[in-house]
């Protein structure tokens, strides 16, 4: 059973936030980037320490791919 919520929503926005300065949002601003897709991978801390940038991770994985291809072609 659901409890009835008799509490009215209270405005919790702090007075120092001036909404007139925020402007309007732009609908679809990131839609093209979203359509390209993203691939986020979380690294374990020790791996992230060894490969601190996405470039270093990509370089290591490309080398691993080359090794795997060579091993496969030698069989």
Protein backbone atom coordinates (compact mmCIF):
# COMPACT_ATOMS: atom_id res chain seq x y z
CA UNK A 1 0.00 0.00 0.00
CA UNK A 2 1.19 3.48 -0.78
CA UNK A 3 1.30 6.11 1.90
CA UNK A 4 -0.34 9.35 1.05
CA UNK A 5 2.10 12.22 0.86
CA UNK A 6 0.39 15.27 2.32
CA UNK A 7 3.54 17.34 2.35
CA UNK A 8 3.63 20.11 -0.18
CA UNK A 9 6.86 20.51 -2.11
CA UNK A 10 9.01 23.12 -0.53
CA UNK A 11 11.35 25.36 -2.48
CA UNK A 12 14.78 24.36 -1.23
CA UNK A 13 16.74 26.53 -3.63
CA UNK A 14 19.12 28.77 -1.77
CA UNK A 15 18.57 32.50 -2.03
CA UNK A 16 22.08 33.09 -3.45
CA UNK A 17 21.16 31.26 -6.66
CA UNK A 18 19.90 33.81 -9.17
CA UNK A 19 17.91 31.92 -11.79
CA UNK A 20 17.75 34.99 -14.03
CA UNK A 21 21.49 34.69 -14.66
CA UNK A 22 21.33 31.02 -15.65
CA UNK A 23 19.67 31.57 -19.00
CA UNK A 24 17.77 28.92 -20.88
CA UNK A 25 18.99 25.44 -21.63
CA UNK A 26 19.63 24.41 -25.21
CA UNK A 27 17.56 21.41 -26.24
CA UNK A 28 19.61 18.79 -28.09
CA UNK A 29 22.96 20.48 -27.44
CA UNK A 30 24.78 17.14 -27.10
CA UNK A 31 22.57 14.96 -29.30
CA UNK A 32 25.19 14.54 -32.05
CA UNK A 33 27.82 13.48 -29.54
CA UNK A 34 25.30 11.07 -27.96
CA UNK A 35 24.47 9.52 -31.32
CA UNK A 36 28.15 8.77 -31.91
CA UNK A 37 28.04 6.70 -28.77
CA UNK A 38 30.44 6.39 -25.93
CA UNK A 39 32.23 3.49 -24.38
CA UNK A 40 33.11 4.09 -20.77
CA UNK A 41 35.24 1.49 -19.03
CA UNK A 42 36.11 1.67 -15.35
CA UNK A 43 39.66 0.65 -14.57
CA UNK A 44 40.82 -0.89 -11.36
CA UNK A 45 43.07 1.51 -9.38
CA UNK A 46 46.33 -0.34 -10.11
CA UNK A 47 45.55 -0.42 -13.85
CA UNK A 48 44.63 3.27 -13.86
CA UNK A 49 47.93 4.03 -12.14
CA UNK A 50 49.86 2.20 -14.87
CA UNK A 51 47.78 3.73 -17.68
CA UNK A 52 46.72 7.21 -16.53
CA UNK A 53 45.38 8.51 -19.85
CA UNK A 54 42.98 7.16 -22.45
CA UNK A 55 45.81 7.41 -25.00
CA UNK A 56 48.04 5.11 -22.93
CA UNK A 57 45.23 2.60 -22.49
CA UNK A 58 44.46 2.61 -26.21
CA UNK A 59 48.14 2.21 -27.13
CA UNK A 60 48.53 -0.77 -24.79
CA UNK A 61 45.38 -2.43 -26.09
CA UNK A 62 46.45 -1.92 -29.72
CA UNK A 63 49.77 -3.59 -28.96
CA UNK A 64 47.94 -6.46 -27.28
CA UNK A 65 45.72 -6.81 -30.35
CA UNK A 66 48.81 -7.00 -32.61
CA UNK A 67 50.33 -9.72 -30.41
CA UNK A 68 47.09 -11.69 -30.46
CA UNK A 69 46.89 -11.46 -34.26
CA UNK A 70 50.49 -12.65 -34.64
CA UNK A 71 49.94 -15.58 -32.29
CA UNK A 72 46.77 -16.55 -34.15
CA UNK A 73 48.51 -16.44 -37.55
CA UNK A 74 51.42 -18.62 -36.27
CA UNK A 75 49.07 -21.50 -35.44
